[in-house]
Amino acid sequence: MKLLKVALERRRYELAAHILVFGLVKAKVEALGNNDGQKRRFQEGAKRGKNSG
């Protein structure tokens, strides 16, 4: 929040927008419970085109 406040005070609206988007993405990841820094791993059969005939 401090960085957002500074960006707005200095009228750096593009930076403020990036900070807000980053915060939204971070909140979404935490809400999904995937905040351990590891990528999702899909099952072998779940790949696209694997079972399309």
N, C-alpha and C. Protein backbone atom coordinates (compact mmCIF):
# COMPACT_ATOMS: atom_id res chain seq x y z
N MET A 1 0.82 -1.19 0.00
CA MET A 1 0.00 0.00 0.00
C MET A 1 0.87 1.26 0.00
N LYS A 2 2.04 1.18 0.60
CA LYS A 2 2.91 2.34 0.64
C LYS A 2 3.35 2.74 -0.77
N LEU A 3 3.70 1.76 -1.57
CA LEU A 3 4.16 2.03 -2.92
C LEU A 3 3.04 2.63 -3.77
N LEU A 4 1.83 2.13 -3.60
CA LEU A 4 0.68 2.68 -4.32
C LEU A 4 0.45 4.14 -3.92
N LYS A 5 0.55 4.42 -2.65
CA LYS A 5 0.36 5.79 -2.17
C LYS A 5 1.41 6.73 -2.77
N VAL A 6 2.66 6.30 -2.78
CA VAL A 6 3.73 7.12 -3.35
C VAL A 6 3.50 7.34 -4.84
N ALA A 7 3.11 6.29 -5.56
CA ALA A 7 2.86 6.42 -7.00
C ALA A 7 1.75 7.42 -7.27
N LEU A 8 0.70 7.39 -6.48
CA LEU A 8 -0.40 8.33 -6.68
C LEU A 8 -0.01 9.75 -6.30
N GLU A 9 0.76 9.90 -5.23
CA GLU A 9 1.20 11.23 -4.83
C GLU A 9 2.08 11.88 -5.89
N ARG A 10 2.89 11.06 -6.55
CA ARG A 10 3.79 11.58 -7.58
C ARG A 10 3.15 11.59 -8.97
N ARG A 11 1.86 11.25 -9.00
CA ARG A 11 1.08 11.23 -10.24
C ARG A 11 1.67 10.28 -11.28
N ARG A 12 2.15 9.15 -10.81
CA ARG A 12 2.67 8.09 -11.68
C ARG A 12 1.55 7.06 -11.83
N TYR A 13 0.56 7.43 -12.63
CA TYR A 13 -0.65 6.62 -12.73
C TYR A 13 -0.41 5.26 -13.39
N GLU A 14 0.53 5.20 -14.32
CA GLU A 14 0.82 3.92 -14.96
C GLU A 14 1.42 2.95 -13.93
N LEU A 15 2.32 3.44 -13.10
CA LEU A 15 2.88 2.61 -12.04
C LEU A 15 1.81 2.18 -11.05
N ALA A 16 0.92 3.10 -10.70
CA ALA A 16 -0.16 2.77 -9.77
C ALA A 16 -1.06 1.67 -10.35
N ALA A 17 -1.31 1.75 -11.65
CA ALA A 17 -2.14 0.72 -12.28
C ALA A 17 -1.45 -0.64 -12.23
N HIS A 18 -0.15 -0.66 -12.48
CA HIS A 18 0.58 -1.92 -12.41
C HIS A 18 0.56 -2.50 -10.99
N ILE A 19 0.69 -1.64 -10.01
CA ILE A 19 0.66 -2.09 -8.61
C ILE A 19 -0.70 -2.71 -8.29
N LEU A 20 -1.78 -2.08 -8.75
CA LEU A 20 -3.12 -2.61 -8.50
C LEU A 20 -3.33 -3.97 -9.17
N VAL A 21 -2.88 -4.09 -10.41
CA VAL A 21 -3.03 -5.36 -11.13
C VAL A 21 -2.22 -6.46 -10.44
N PHE A 22 -0.99 -6.13 -10.04
CA PHE A 22 -0.17 -7.11 -9.34
C PHE A 22 -0.86 -7.57 -8.06
N GLY A 23 -1.45 -6.63 -7.32
CA GLY A 23 -2.17 -6.98 -6.10
C GLY A 23 -3.36 -7.89 -6.36
N LEU A 24 -4.09 -7.63 -7.46
CA LEU A 24 -5.23 -8.48 -7.80
C LEU A 24 -4.79 -9.89 -8.17
N VAL A 25 -3.71 -9.99 -8.93
CA VAL A 25 -3.20 -11.31 -9.31
C VAL A 25 -2.72 -12.06 -8.08
N LYS A 26 -2.02 -11.37 -7.22
CA LYS A 26 -1.51 -12.01 -5.99
C LYS A 26 -2.67 -12.50 -5.12
N ALA A 27 -3.72 -11.70 -4.99
CA ALA A 27 -4.88 -12.10 -4.19
C ALA A 27 -5.57 -13.32 -4.81
N LYS A 28 -5.66 -13.36 -6.14
CA LYS A 28 -6.30 -14.48 -6.81
C LYS A 28 -5.51 -15.77 -6.59
N VAL A 29 -4.20 -15.68 -6.70
CA VAL A 29 -3.35 -16.86 -6.49
C VAL A 29 -3.48 -17.36 -5.06
N GLU A 30 -3.49 -16.45 -4.11
CA GLU A 30 -3.63 -16.86 -2.71
C GLU A 30 -5.00 -17.46 -2.45
N ALA A 31 -6.03 -16.94 -3.12
CA ALA A 31 -7.38 -17.48 -2.94
C ALA A 31 -7.48 -18.90 -3.49
N LEU A 32 -6.69 -19.20 -4.51
CA LEU A 32 -6.70 -20.55 -5.08
C LEU A 32 -5.87 -21.52 -4.26
N GLY A 33 -5.09 -21.01 -3.34
CA GLY A 33 -4.28 -21.88 -2.50
C GLY A 33 -3.02 -22.34 -3.18
N ASN A 34 -2.63 -21.69 -4.25
CA ASN A 34 -1.42 -22.08 -4.99
C ASN A 34 -0.34 -21.03 -4.75
N ASN A 35 -0.01 -20.79 -3.50
CA ASN A 35 0.96 -19.75 -3.18
C ASN A 35 2.28 -20.32 -2.68
N ASP A 36 2.58 -21.56 -3.05
CA ASP A 36 3.83 -22.16 -2.60
C ASP A 36 4.96 -21.98 -3.61
N GLY A 37 4.71 -21.23 -4.68
CA GLY A 37 5.74 -20.94 -5.65
C GLY A 37 5.97 -22.03 -6.68
N GLN A 38 5.21 -23.10 -6.63
CA GLN A 38 5.38 -24.17 -7.58
C GLN A 38 4.34 -24.04 -8.69
N LYS A 39 4.73 -24.47 -9.89
CA LYS A 39 3.80 -24.45 -11.00
C LYS A 39 2.81 -25.60 -10.84
N ARG A 40 1.64 -25.42 -11.43
CA ARG A 40 0.67 -26.51 -11.42
C ARG A 40 1.15 -27.63 -12.31
N ARG A 41 0.87 -28.82 -11.90
CA ARG A 41 1.23 -29.99 -12.70
C ARG A 41 -0.06 -30.69 -13.13
N PHE A 42 -0.19 -30.88 -14.42
CA PHE A 42 -1.39 -31.51 -14.95
C PHE A 42 -1.15 -33.01 -15.11
N GLN A 43 -2.23 -33.74 -15.07
CA GLN A 43 -2.13 -35.17 -15.27
C GLN A 43 -1.81 -35.45 -16.73
N GLU A 44 -1.21 -36.58 -17.00
CA GLU A 44 -0.77 -36.93 -18.35
C GLU A 44 -1.92 -36.91 -19.35
N GLY A 45 -3.08 -37.42 -18.98
CA GLY A 45 -4.21 -37.49 -19.88
C GLY A 45 -4.91 -36.17 -20.08
N ALA A 46 -4.56 -35.16 -19.32
CA ALA A 46 -5.25 -33.88 -19.40
C ALA A 46 -4.64 -32.95 -20.44
N LYS A 47 -3.58 -33.37 -21.10
CA LYS A 47 -2.94 -32.52 -22.12
C LYS A 47 -3.85 -32.39 -23.33
N ARG A 48 -3.77 -31.26 -23.98
CA ARG A 48 -4.59 -31.04 -25.18
C ARG A 48 -4.13 -31.95 -26.30
N GLY A 49 -5.10 -32.46 -27.02
CA GLY A 49 -4.80 -33.27 -28.18
C GLY A 49 -4.37 -34.70 -27.86
N LYS A 50 -4.25 -35.03 -26.61
CA LYS A 50 -3.78 -36.37 -26.24
C LYS A 50 -4.76 -37.45 -26.68
N ASN A 51 -6.05 -37.22 -26.43
CA ASN A 51 -7.05 -38.24 -26.76
C ASN A 51 -7.92 -37.87 -27.94
N SER A 52 -7.58 -36.79 -28.64
CA SER A 52 -8.39 -36.42 -29.79
C SER A 52 -8.00 -37.30 -30.97
N GLY A 53 -8.99 -37.80 -31.67
CA GLY A 53 -8.67 -38.78 -32.65
C GLY A 53 -8.96 -38.40 -34.00
